[in-house]
PDB file of N, CA and C in Angstrom:
ATOM      1  N   MET A   1       0.850  -1.180   0.000  1.00  0.00           N
ATOM      2  CA  MET A   1       0.000   0.000   0.000  1.00  0.00           C
ATOM      3  C   MET A   1       0.895   1.242   0.000  1.00  0.00           C
ATOM      4  N   SER A   2       0.356   2.318  -0.536  1.00  0.00           N
ATOM      5  CA  SER A   2       1.123   3.556  -0.548  1.00  0.00           C
ATOM      6  C   SER A   2       0.178   4.757  -0.584  1.00  0.00           C
ATOM      7  N   ILE A   3       0.750   5.909  -0.246  1.00  0.00           N
ATOM      8  CA  ILE A   3       0.038   7.175  -0.394  1.00  0.00           C
ATOM      9  C   ILE A   3       0.841   8.032  -1.363  1.00  0.00           C
ATOM     10  N   ASP A   4       0.164   8.931  -2.041  1.00  0.00           N
ATOM     11  CA  ASP A   4       0.815   9.830  -2.987  1.00  0.00           C
ATOM     12  C   ASP A   4       0.797  11.237  -2.400  1.00  0.00           C
ATOM     13  N   VAL A   5       1.983  11.815  -2.285  1.00  0.00           N
ATOM     14  CA  VAL A   5       2.110  13.174  -1.760  1.00  0.00           C
ATOM     15  C   VAL A   5       2.978  13.971  -2.727  1.00  0.00           C
ATOM     16  N   ASN A   6       2.385  14.955  -3.370  1.00  0.00           N
ATOM     17  CA  ASN A   6       3.100  15.804  -4.322  1.00  0.00           C
ATOM     18  C   ASN A   6       3.819  14.984  -5.390  1.00  0.00           C
ATOM     19  N   GLY A   7       3.160  13.932  -5.880  1.00  0.00           N
ATOM     20  CA  GLY A   7       3.724  13.117  -6.941  1.00  0.00           C
ATOM     21  C   GLY A   7       4.728  12.062  -6.486  1.00  0.00           C
ATOM     22  N   VAL A   8       4.947  11.948  -5.181  1.00  0.00           N
ATOM     23  CA  VAL A   8       5.870  10.944  -4.639  1.00  0.00           C
ATOM     24  C   VAL A   8       5.053   9.911  -3.875  1.00  0.00           C
ATOM     25  N   LYS A   9       5.368   8.640  -4.122  1.00  0.00           N
ATOM     26  CA  LYS A   9       4.667   7.559  -3.414  1.00  0.00           C
ATOM     27  C   LYS A   9       5.446   7.170  -2.168  1.00  0.00           C
ATOM     28  N   TYR A  10       4.704   7.012  -1.059  1.00  0.00           N
ATOM     29  CA  TYR A  10       5.285   6.597   0.218  1.00  0.00           C
ATOM     30  C   TYR A  10       4.590   5.316   0.657  1.00  0.00           C
ATOM     31  N   ASP A  11       5.376   4.316   1.023  1.00  0.00           N
ATOM     32  CA  ASP A  11       4.817   3.043   1.460  1.00  0.00           C
ATOM     33  C   ASP A  11       4.212   3.170   2.852  1.00  0.00           C
ATOM     34  N   VAL A  12       3.031   2.602   3.011  1.00  0.00           N
ATOM     35  CA  VAL A  12       2.364   2.521   4.314  1.00  0.00           C
ATOM     36  C   VAL A  12       1.958   1.072   4.545  1.00  0.00           C
ATOM     37  N   ASP A  13       1.812   0.705   5.809  1.00  0.00           N
ATOM     38  CA  ASP A  13       1.382  -0.662   6.121  1.00  0.00           C
ATOM     39  C   ASP A  13      -0.132  -0.777   6.013  1.00  0.00           C
ATOM     40  N   GLU A  14      -0.662  -1.938   6.360  1.00  0.00           N
ATOM     41  CA  GLU A  14      -2.101  -2.190   6.212  1.00  0.00           C
ATOM     42  C   GLU A  14      -2.960  -1.281   7.087  1.00  0.00           C
ATOM     43  N   ASN A  15      -2.340  -0.660   8.112  1.00  0.00           N
ATOM     44  CA  ASN A  15      -3.073   0.261   8.984  1.00  0.00           C
ATOM     45  C   ASN A  15      -2.837   1.725   8.623  1.00  0.00           C
ATOM     46  N   GLY A  16      -2.053   1.972   7.591  1.00  0.00           N
ATOM     47  CA  GLY A  16      -1.814   3.336   7.138  1.00  0.00           C
ATOM     48  C   GLY A  16      -0.619   4.024   7.774  1.00  0.00           C
ATOM     49  N   TYR A  17       0.191   3.284   8.529  1.00  0.00           N
ATOM     50  CA  TYR A  17       1.397   3.859   9.140  1.00  0.00           C
ATOM     51  C   TYR A  17       2.536   3.806   8.131  1.00  0.00           C
ATOM     52  N   LEU A  18       3.386   4.845   8.138  1.00  0.00           N
ATOM     53  CA  LEU A  18       4.538   4.849   7.246  1.00  0.00           C
ATOM     54  C   LEU A  18       5.416   3.636   7.503  1.00  0.00           C
ATOM     55  N   VAL A  19       5.886   3.026   6.429  1.00  0.00           N
ATOM     56  CA  VAL A  19       6.792   1.889   6.563  1.00  0.00           C
ATOM     57  C   VAL A  19       8.194   2.386   6.901  1.00  0.00           C
ATOM     58  N   ASN A  20       8.634   3.445   6.242  1.00  0.00           N
ATOM     59  CA  ASN A  20       9.959   4.017   6.466  1.00  0.00           C
ATOM     60  C   ASN A  20       9.826   5.335   7.220  1.00  0.00           C
ATOM     61  N   LEU A  21      10.255   5.345   8.459  1.00  0.00           N
ATOM     62  CA  LEU A  21      10.106   6.540   9.291  1.00  0.00           C
ATOM     63  C   LEU A  21      10.825   7.741   8.690  1.00  0.00           C
ATOM     64  N   GLU A  22      11.882   7.489   7.924  1.00  0.00           N
ATOM     65  CA  GLU A  22      12.656   8.578   7.315  1.00  0.00           C
ATOM     66  C   GLU A  22      11.871   9.289   6.218  1.00  0.00           C
ATOM     67  N   ASP A  23      10.786   8.693   5.747  1.00  0.00           N
ATOM     68  CA  ASP A  23       9.976   9.302   4.689  1.00  0.00           C
ATOM     69  C   ASP A  23       9.117  10.458   5.197  1.00  0.00           C
ATOM     70  N   TRP A  24       9.009  10.608   6.505  1.00  0.00           N
ATOM     71  CA  TRP A  24       8.094  11.592   7.068  1.00  0.00           C
ATOM     72  C   TRP A  24       8.540  13.019   6.768  1.00  0.00           C
ATOM     73  N   ASN A  25       7.575  13.849   6.444  1.00  0.00           N
ATOM     74  CA  ASN A  25       7.748  15.299   6.370  1.00  0.00           C
ATOM     75  C   ASN A  25       6.369  15.909   6.618  1.00  0.00           C
ATOM     76  N   GLU A  26       6.300  17.213   6.708  1.00  0.00           N
ATOM     77  CA  GLU A  26       5.020  17.843   7.047  1.00  0.00           C
ATOM     78  C   GLU A  26       3.949  17.616   5.984  1.00  0.00           C
ATOM     79  N   ASP A  27       4.343  17.548   4.718  1.00  0.00           N
ATOM     80  CA  ASP A  27       3.354  17.270   3.663  1.00  0.00           C
ATOM     81  C   ASP A  27       2.781  15.862   3.824  1.00  0.00           C
ATOM     82  N   VAL A  28       3.644  14.907   4.164  1.00  0.00           N
ATOM     83  CA  VAL A  28       3.185  13.535   4.416  1.00  0.00           C
ATOM     84  C   VAL A  28       2.238  13.543   5.611  1.00  0.00           C
ATOM     85  N   ALA A  29       2.580  14.302   6.655  1.00  0.00           N
ATOM     86  CA  ALA A  29       1.731  14.384   7.845  1.00  0.00           C
ATOM     87  C   ALA A  29       0.344  14.903   7.485  1.00  0.00           C
ATOM     88  N   VAL A  30       0.288  15.930   6.660  1.00  0.00           N
ATOM     89  CA  VAL A  30      -1.007  16.491   6.252  1.00  0.00           C
ATOM     90  C   VAL A  30      -1.821  15.444   5.497  1.00  0.00           C
ATOM     91  N   LYS A  31      -1.171  14.686   4.630  1.00  0.00           N
ATOM     92  CA  LYS A  31      -1.868  13.635   3.865  1.00  0.00           C
ATOM     93  C   LYS A  31      -2.385  12.540   4.804  1.00  0.00           C
ATOM     94  N   LEU A  32      -1.556  12.131   5.760  1.00  0.00           N
ATOM     95  CA  LEU A  32      -1.985  11.117   6.725  1.00  0.00           C
ATOM     96  C   LEU A  32      -3.138  11.646   7.577  1.00  0.00           C
ATOM     97  N   ALA A  33      -3.075  12.926   7.951  1.00  0.00           N
ATOM     98  CA  ALA A  33      -4.143  13.543   8.739  1.00  0.00           C
ATOM     99  C   ALA A  33      -5.452  13.570   7.942  1.00  0.00           C
ATOM    100  N   GLU A  34      -5.364  13.873   6.662  1.00  0.00           N
ATOM    101  CA  GLU A  34      -6.566  13.867   5.814  1.00  0.00           C
ATOM    102  C   GLU A  34      -7.230  12.499   5.850  1.00  0.00           C
ATOM    103  N   GLY A  35      -6.422  11.451   5.809  1.00  0.00           N
ATOM    104  CA  GLY A  35      -6.948  10.098   5.873  1.00  0.00           C
ATOM    105  C   GLY A  35      -7.644   9.792   7.188  1.00  0.00           C
ATOM    106  N   GLU A  36      -7.267  10.529   8.216  1.00  0.00           N
ATOM    107  CA  GLU A  36      -7.883  10.381   9.537  1.00  0.00           C
ATOM    108  C   GLU A  36      -8.991  11.414   9.764  1.00  0.00           C
ATOM    109  N   GLU A  37      -9.288  12.214   8.734  1.00  0.00           N
ATOM    110  CA  GLU A  37     -10.298  13.278   8.800  1.00  0.00           C
ATOM    111  C   GLU A  37      -9.953  14.316   9.853  1.00  0.00           C
ATOM    112  N   ILE A  38      -8.668  14.683   9.906  1.00  0.00           N
ATOM    113  CA  ILE A  38      -8.177  15.690  10.848  1.00  0.00           C
ATOM    114  C   ILE A  38      -7.545  16.820  10.048  1.00  0.00           C
ATOM    115  N   GLU A  39      -7.973  18.037  10.365  1.00  0.00           N
ATOM    116  CA  GLU A  39      -7.357  19.217   9.779  1.00  0.00           C
ATOM    117  C   GLU A  39      -6.326  19.732  10.780  1.00  0.00           C
ATOM    118  N   MET A  40      -5.073  19.737  10.375  1.00  0.00           N
ATOM    119  CA  MET A  40      -3.987  20.065  11.289  1.00  0.00           C
ATOM    120  C   MET A  40      -4.024  21.542  11.699  1.00  0.00           C
ATOM    121  N   ALA A  41      -4.028  21.752  13.007  1.00  0.00           N
ATOM    122  CA  ALA A  41      -3.938  23.090  13.593  1.00  0.00           C
ATOM    123  C   ALA A  41      -2.687  23.115  14.470  1.00  0.00           C
ATOM    124  N   GLU A  42      -2.395  24.253  15.041  1.00  0.00           N
ATOM    125  CA  GLU A  42      -1.172  24.394  15.835  1.00  0.00           C
ATOM    126  C   GLU A  42      -1.082  23.360  16.959  1.00  0.00           C
ATOM    127  N   ALA A  43      -2.180  23.086  17.634  1.00  0.00           N
ATOM    128  CA  ALA A  43      -2.169  22.113  18.731  1.00  0.00           C
ATOM    129  C   ALA A  43      -1.830  20.710  18.228  1.00  0.00           C
ATOM    130  N   HIS A  44      -2.298  20.376  17.032  1.00  0.00           N
ATOM    131  CA  HIS A  44      -1.958  19.078  16.432  1.00  0.00           C
ATOM    132  C   HIS A  44      -0.460  19.004  16.151  1.00  0.00           C
ATOM    133  N   TRP A  45       0.065  20.077  15.538  1.00  0.00           N
ATOM    134  CA  TRP A  45       1.498  20.102  15.218  1.00  0.00           C
ATOM    135  C   TRP A  45       2.344  20.033  16.481  1.00  0.00           C
ATOM    136  N   ASP A  46       1.928  20.718  17.533  1.00  0.00           N
ATOM    137  CA  ASP A  46       2.672  20.667  18.798  1.00  0.00           C
ATOM    138  C   ASP A  46       2.764  19.233  19.306  1.00  0.00           C
ATOM    139  N   LEU A  47       1.658  18.517  19.229  1.00  0.00           N
ATOM    140  CA  LEU A  47       1.647  17.136  19.713  1.00  0.00           C
ATOM    141  C   LEU A  47       2.485  16.233  18.799  1.00  0.00           C
ATOM    142  N   VAL A  48       2.404  16.447  17.510  1.00  0.00           N
ATOM    143  CA  VAL A  48       3.217  15.674  16.564  1.00  0.00           C
ATOM    144  C   VAL A  48       4.704  15.895  16.859  1.00  0.00           C
ATOM    145  N   LYS A  49       5.089  17.133  17.088  1.00  0.00           N
ATOM    146  CA  LYS A  49       6.499  17.424  17.403  1.00  0.00           C
ATOM    147  C   LYS A  49       6.909  16.767  18.717  1.00  0.00           C
ATOM    148  N   PHE A  50       6.021  16.813  19.717  1.00  0.00           N
ATOM    149  CA  PHE A  50       6.302  16.148  20.990  1.00  0.00           C
ATOM    150  C   PHE A  50       6.549  14.657  20.759  1.00  0.00           C
ATOM    151  N   LEU A  51       5.670  14.025  19.995  1.00  0.00           N
ATOM    152  CA  LEU A  51       5.788  12.587  19.740  1.00  0.00           C
ATOM    153  C   LEU A  51       7.080  12.252  18.998  1.00  0.00           C
ATOM    154  N   ARG A  52       7.410  13.051  18.012  1.00  0.00           N
ATOM    155  CA  ARG A  52       8.642  12.790  17.252  1.00  0.00           C
ATOM    156  C   ARG A  52       9.867  12.957  18.140  1.00  0.00           C
ATOM    157  N   ASN A  53       9.863  13.957  19.009  1.00  0.00           N
ATOM    158  CA  ASN A  53      10.987  14.146  19.939  1.00  0.00           C
ATOM    159  C   ASN A  53      11.073  12.998  20.934  1.00  0.00           C
ATOM    160  N   TYR A  54       9.927  12.568  21.443  1.00  0.00           N
ATOM    161  CA  TYR A  54       9.875  11.447  22.383  1.00  0.00           C
ATOM    162  C   TYR A  54      10.438  10.193  21.716  1.00  0.00           C
ATOM    163  N   TYR A  55      10.007   9.944  20.491  1.00  0.00           N
ATOM    164  CA  TYR A  55      10.469   8.757  19.770  1.00  0.00           C
ATOM    165  C   TYR A  55      11.974   8.831  19.527  1.00  0.00           C
ATOM    166  N   GLU A  56      12.454   9.997  19.163  1.00  0.00           N
ATOM    167  CA  GLU A  56      13.890  10.170  18.910  1.00  0.00           C
ATOM    168  C   GLU A  56      14.703   9.855  20.172  1.00  0.00           C
ATOM    169  N   GLU A  57      14.176  10.264  21.315  1.00  0.00           N
ATOM    170  CA  GLU A  57      14.893  10.046  22.571  1.00  0.00           C
ATOM    171  C   GLU A  57      14.797   8.606  23.067  1.00  0.00           C
ATOM    172  N   TYR A  58      13.602   8.007  22.993  1.00  0.00           N
ATOM    173  CA  TYR A  58      13.377   6.693  23.603  1.00  0.00           C
ATOM    174  C   TYR A  58      13.237   5.534  22.612  1.00  0.00           C
ATOM    175  N   GLN A  59      13.158   5.832  21.321  1.00  0.00           N
ATOM    176  CA  GLN A  59      13.009   4.818  20.277  1.00  0.00           C
ATOM    177  C   GLN A  59      11.730   3.992  20.426  1.00  0.00           C
ATOM    178  N   ILE A  60      10.711   4.608  20.990  1.00  0.00           N
ATOM    179  CA  ILE A  60       9.401   3.970  21.130  1.00  0.00           C
ATOM    180  C   ILE A  60       8.352   5.087  21.176  1.00  0.00           C
ATOM    181  N   ALA A  61       7.189   4.804  20.638  1.00  0.00           N
ATOM    182  CA  ALA A  61       6.085   5.761  20.718  1.00  0.00           C
ATOM    183  C   ALA A  61       5.440   5.617  22.093  1.00  0.00           C
ATOM    184  N   PRO A  62       5.104   6.723  22.739  1.00  0.00           N
ATOM    185  CA  PRO A  62       4.532   6.622  24.082  1.00  0.00           C
ATOM    186  C   PRO A  62       3.123   6.050  24.067  1.00  0.00           C
ATOM    187  N   ALA A  63       2.821   5.283  25.094  1.00  0.00           N
ATOM    188  CA  ALA A  63       1.455   4.799  25.289  1.00  0.00           C
ATOM    189  C   ALA A  63       0.584   6.002  25.661  1.00  0.00           C
ATOM    190  N   VAL A  64      -0.712   5.857  25.523  1.00  0.00           N
ATOM    191  CA  VAL A  64      -1.627   6.973  25.776  1.00  0.00           C
ATOM    192  C   VAL A  64      -1.516   7.473  27.223  1.00  0.00           C
ATOM    193  N   LYS A  65      -1.261   6.580  28.179  1.00  0.00           N
ATOM    194  CA  LYS A  65      -1.106   7.023  29.574  1.00  0.00           C
ATOM    195  C   LYS A  65       0.096   7.952  29.722  1.00  0.00           C
ATOM    196  N   VAL A  66       1.201   7.596  29.101  1.00  0.00           N
ATOM    197  CA  VAL A  66       2.414   8.414  29.152  1.00  0.00           C
ATOM    198  C   VAL A  66       2.158   9.748  28.462  1.00  0.00           C
ATOM    199  N   LEU A  67       1.497   9.693  27.329  1.00  0.00           N
ATOM    200  CA  LEU A  67       1.176  10.896  26.570  1.00  0.00           C
ATOM    201  C   LEU A  67       0.276  11.823  27.384  1.00  0.00           C
ATOM    202  N   THR A  68      -0.749  11.271  27.997  1.00  0.00           N
ATOM    203  CA  THR A  68      -1.672  12.070  28.805  1.00  0.00           C
ATOM    204  C   THR A  68      -0.951  12.726  29.978  1.00  0.00           C
ATOM    205  N   LYS A  69      -0.123  11.971  30.657  1.00  0.00           N
ATOM    206  CA  LYS A  69       0.624  12.507  31.799  1.00  0.00           C
ATOM    207  C   LYS A  69       1.555  13.639  31.358  1.00  0.00           C
ATOM    208  N   ALA A  70       2.247  13.458  30.235  1.00  0.00           N
ATOM    209  CA  ALA A  70       3.167  14.485  29.737  1.00  0.00           C
ATOM    210  C   ALA A  70       2.426  15.763  29.353  1.00  0.00           C
ATOM    211  N   ILE A  71       1.292  15.618  28.690  1.00  0.00           N
ATOM    212  CA  ILE A  71       0.509  16.794  28.278  1.00  0.00           C
ATOM    213  C   ILE A  71      -0.079  17.490  29.500  1.00  0.00           C
ATOM    214  N   ALA A  72      -0.546  16.715  30.470  1.00  0.00           N
ATOM    215  CA  ALA A  72      -1.082  17.300  31.702  1.00  0.00           C
ATOM    216  C   ALA A  72      -0.021  18.148  32.381  1.00  0.00           C
ATOM    217  N   SER A  73       1.177  17.611  32.484  1.00  0.00           N
ATOM    218  CA  SER A  73       2.278  18.327  33.125  1.00  0.00           C
ATOM    219  C   SER A  73       2.651  19.577  32.329  1.00  0.00           C
ATOM    220  N   GLU A  74       2.778  19.428  31.020  1.00  0.00           N
ATOM    221  CA  GLU A  74       3.190  20.540  30.161  1.00  0.00           C
ATOM    222  C   GLU A  74       2.180  21.681  30.157  1.00  0.00           C
ATOM    223  N   LYS A  75       0.893  21.338  30.184  1.00  0.00           N
ATOM    224  CA  LYS A  75      -0.151  22.352  30.053  1.00  0.00           C
ATOM    225  C   LYS A  75      -0.807  22.725  31.382  1.00  0.00           C
ATOM    226  N   GLY A  76      -0.315  22.157  32.482  1.00  0.00           N
ATOM    227  CA  GLY A  76      -0.888  22.478  33.787  1.00  0.00           C
ATOM    228  C   GLY A  76      -2.320  22.004  33.948  1.00  0.00           C
ATOM    229  N   MET A  77      -2.613  20.838  33.392  1.00  0.00           N
ATOM    230  CA  MET A  77      -3.957  20.263  33.463  1.00  0.00           C
ATOM    231  C   MET A  77      -3.933  19.051  34.380  1.00  0.00           C
ATOM    232  N   ASP A  78      -5.121  18.655  34.846  1.00  0.00           N
ATOM    233  CA  ASP A  78      -5.163  17.350  35.503  1.00  0.00           C
ATOM    234  C   ASP A  78      -5.284  16.295  34.391  1.00  0.00           C
ATOM    235  N   LYS A  79      -5.175  15.036  34.775  1.00  0.00           N
ATOM    236  CA  LYS A  79      -5.146  13.975  33.763  1.00  0.00           C
ATOM    237  C   LYS A  79      -6.436  13.894  32.961  1.00  0.00           C
ATOM    238  N   LYS A  80      -7.565  14.143  33.627  1.00  0.00           N
ATOM    239  CA  LYS A  80      -8.855  14.086  32.913  1.00  0.00           C
ATOM    240  C   LYS A  80      -8.928  15.195  31.862  1.00  0.00           C
ATOM    241  N   GLU A  81      -8.519  16.401  32.246  1.00  0.00           N
ATOM    242  CA  GLU A  81      -8.515  17.514  31.282  1.00  0.00           C
ATOM    243  C   GLU A  81      -7.573  17.214  30.115  1.00  0.00           C
ATOM    244  N   ALA A  82      -6.403  16.669  30.425  1.00  0.00           N
ATOM    245  CA  ALA A  82      -5.432  16.348  29.381  1.00  0.00           C
ATOM    246  C   ALA A  82      -5.978  15.282  28.439  1.00  0.00           C
ATOM    247  N   SER A  83      -6.649  14.292  29.003  1.00  0.00           N
ATOM    248  CA  SER A  83      -7.241  13.243  28.184  1.00  0.00           C
ATOM    249  C   SER A  83      -8.315  13.820  27.258  1.00  0.00           C
ATOM    250  N   GLU A  84      -9.175  14.677  27.800  1.00  0.00           N
ATOM    251  CA  GLU A  84     -10.217  15.310  26.988  1.00  0.00           C
ATOM    252  C   GLU A  84      -9.605  16.180  25.891  1.00  0.00           C
ATOM    253  N   PHE A  85      -8.538  16.889  26.227  1.00  0.00           N
ATOM    254  CA  PHE A  85      -7.830  17.717  25.257  1.00  0.00           C
ATOM    255  C   PHE A  85      -7.294  16.856  24.108  1.00  0.00           C
ATOM    256  N   LEU A  86      -6.630  15.746  24.462  1.00  0.00           N
ATOM    257  CA  LEU A  86      -6.039  14.865  23.456  1.00  0.00           C
ATOM    258  C   LEU A  86      -7.107  14.218  22.575  1.00  0.00           C
ATOM    259  N   TYR A  87      -8.197  13.752  23.195  1.00  0.00           N
ATOM    260  CA  TYR A  87      -9.269  13.130  22.407  1.00  0.00           C
ATOM    261  C   TYR A  87     -10.017  14.168  21.572  1.00  0.00           C
ATOM    262  N   GLY A  88      -9.993  15.419  22.000  1.00  0.00           N
ATOM    263  CA  GLY A  88     -10.565  16.484  21.175  1.00  0.00           C
ATOM    264  C   GLY A  88      -9.772  16.687  19.894  1.00  0.00           C
ATOM    265  N   LEU A  89      -8.448  16.527  19.997  1.00  0.00           N
ATOM    266  CA  LEU A  89      -7.583  16.670  18.821  1.00  0.00           C
ATOM    267  C   LEU A  89      -7.624  15.422  17.941  1.00  0.00           C
ATOM    268  N   PHE A  90      -7.609  14.262  18.580  1.00  0.00           N
ATOM    269  CA  PHE A  90      -7.518  12.978  17.882  1.00  0.00           C
ATOM    270  C   PHE A  90      -8.605  12.051  18.401  1.00  0.00           C
ATOM    271  N   PRO A  91      -9.846  12.210  17.913  1.00  0.00           N
ATOM    272  CA  PRO A  91     -11.006  11.510  18.464  1.00  0.00           C
ATOM    273  C   PRO A  91     -10.969   9.986  18.388  1.00  0.00           C
ATOM    274  N   LYS A  92     -10.238   9.430  17.440  1.00  0.00           N
ATOM    275  CA  LYS A  92     -10.187   7.968  17.322  1.00  0.00           C
ATOM    276  C   LYS A  92      -9.085   7.359  18.182  1.00  0.00           C
ATOM    277  N   GLY A  93      -8.430   8.184  18.976  1.00  0.00           N
ATOM    278  CA  GLY A  93      -7.370   7.699  19.848  1.00  0.00           C
ATOM    279  C   GLY A  93      -6.105   8.501  19.661  1.00  0.00           C
ATOM    280  N   PRO A  94      -5.733   9.270  20.679  1.00  0.00           N
ATOM    281  CA  PRO A  94      -4.582  10.155  20.546  1.00  0.00           C
ATOM    282  C   PRO A  94      -3.284   9.423  20.206  1.00  0.00           C
ATOM    283  N   ALA A  95      -3.029   8.312  20.836  1.00  0.00           N
ATOM    284  CA  ALA A  95      -1.776   7.613  20.550  1.00  0.00           C
ATOM    285  C   ALA A  95      -1.795   7.067  19.124  1.00  0.00           C
ATOM    286  N   LEU A  96      -2.876   6.404  18.758  1.00  0.00           N
ATOM    287  CA  LEU A  96      -2.964   5.801  17.423  1.00  0.00           C
ATOM    288  C   LEU A  96      -2.921   6.848  16.312  1.00  0.00           C
ATOM    289  N   GLN A  97      -3.816   7.804  16.358  1.00  0.00           N
ATOM    290  CA  GLN A  97      -3.900   8.786  15.275  1.00  0.00           C
ATOM    291  C   GLN A  97      -2.697   9.722  15.259  1.00  0.00           C
ATOM    292  N   ALA A  98      -2.300  10.208  16.406  1.00  0.00           N
ATOM    293  CA  ALA A  98      -1.190  11.164  16.451  1.00  0.00           C
ATOM    294  C   ALA A  98       0.115  10.507  16.023  1.00  0.00           C
ATOM    295  N   CYS A  99       0.347   9.282  16.445  1.00  0.00           N
ATOM    296  CA  CYS A  99       1.571   8.584  16.036  1.00  0.00           C
ATOM    297  C   CYS A  99       1.577   8.334  14.536  1.00  0.00           C
ATOM    298  N   LYS A 100       0.428   7.983  13.983  1.00  0.00           N
ATOM    299  CA  LYS A 100       0.349   7.765  12.534  1.00  0.00           C
ATOM    300  C   LYS A 100       0.712   9.047  11.800  1.00  0.00           C
ATOM    301  N   ILE A 101       0.116  10.153  12.207  1.00  0.00           N
ATOM    302  CA  ILE A 101       0.363  11.430  11.544  1.00  0.00           C
ATOM    303  C   ILE A 101       1.807  11.879  11.743  1.00  0.00           C
ATOM    304  N   ALA A 102       2.397  11.527  12.889  1.00  0.00           N
ATOM    305  CA  ALA A 102       3.786  11.876  13.180  1.00  0.00           C
ATOM    306  C   ALA A 102       4.773  10.970  12.448  1.00  0.00           C
ATOM    307  N   GLY A 103       4.254   9.974  11.717  1.00  0.00           N
ATOM    308  CA  GLY A 103       5.122   9.091  10.965  1.00  0.00           C
ATOM    309  C   GLY A 103       5.803   8.029  11.812  1.00  0.00           C
ATOM    310  N   LEU A 104       5.245   7.782  12.981  1.00  0.00           N
ATOM    311  CA  LEU A 104       5.832   6.815  13.923  1.00  0.00           C
ATOM    312  C   LEU A 104       5.110   5.479  13.847  1.00  0.00           C
ATOM    313  N   PRO A 105       5.757   4.428  14.360  1.00  0.00           N
ATOM    314  CA  PRO A 105       5.068   3.127  14.391  1.00  0.00           C
ATOM    315  C   PRO A 105       3.872   3.166  15.333  1.00  0.00           C
ATOM    316  N   LYS A 106       2.991   2.228  15.122  1.00  0.00           N
ATOM    317  CA  LYS A 106       1.833   2.080  16.009  1.00  0.00           C
ATOM    318  C   LYS A 106       2.344   1.825  17.421  1.00  0.00           C
ATOM    319  N   PRO A 107       1.833   2.576  18.410  1.00  0.00           N
ATOM    320  CA  PRO A 107       2.298   2.385  19.791  1.00  0.00           C
ATOM    321  C   PRO A 107       2.031   0.975  20.292  1.00  0.00           C
ATOM    322  N   THR A 108       2.944   0.467  21.078  1.00  0.00           N
ATOM    323  CA  THR A 108       2.747  -0.860  21.649  1.00  0.00           C
ATOM    324  C   THR A 108       1.576  -0.809  22.619  1.00  0.00           C
ATOM    325  N   GLY A 109       0.811  -1.853  22.657  1.00  0.00           N
ATOM    326  CA  GLY A 109      -0.344  -1.907  23.544  1.00  0.00           C
ATOM    327  C   GLY A 109      -1.612  -1.360  22.918  1.00  0.00           C
ATOM    328  N   CYS A 110      -1.524  -0.784  21.723  1.00  0.00           N
ATOM    329  CA  CYS A 110      -2.720  -0.270  21.047  1.00  0.00           C
ATOM    330  C   CYS A 110      -3.286  -1.366  20.146  1.00  0.00           C
ATOM    331  N   VAL A 111      -4.592  -1.467  20.150  1.00  0.00           N
ATOM    332  CA  VAL A 111      -5.261  -2.484  19.339  1.00  0.00           C
ATOM    333  C   VAL A 111      -5.388  -2.002  17.907  1.00  0.00           C
TER     334      VAL A 111
END
């Protein structure tokens, strides 16, 4: 399977995640977001950048609990507020959708 972005084909797996993490760029992210019916706004990009930095440091995509805790701490929210914030941005699952758009592998523990 593949997606076409500006005339270039990028391989994706059966779930729509990039096969080659090095293929990621912002245009690819926008295309992946379109597939998830998400229009990227600043808050989406902030989370994508957070995820990419986290992955670069730990070589793993964070589970939703880790993501929620980090966002709560960063934004001065409690965990419930952070969870609602994340699901507002990525309604089908913040870890799943955000990691896909960030060009990262599917988080471990996600169905």
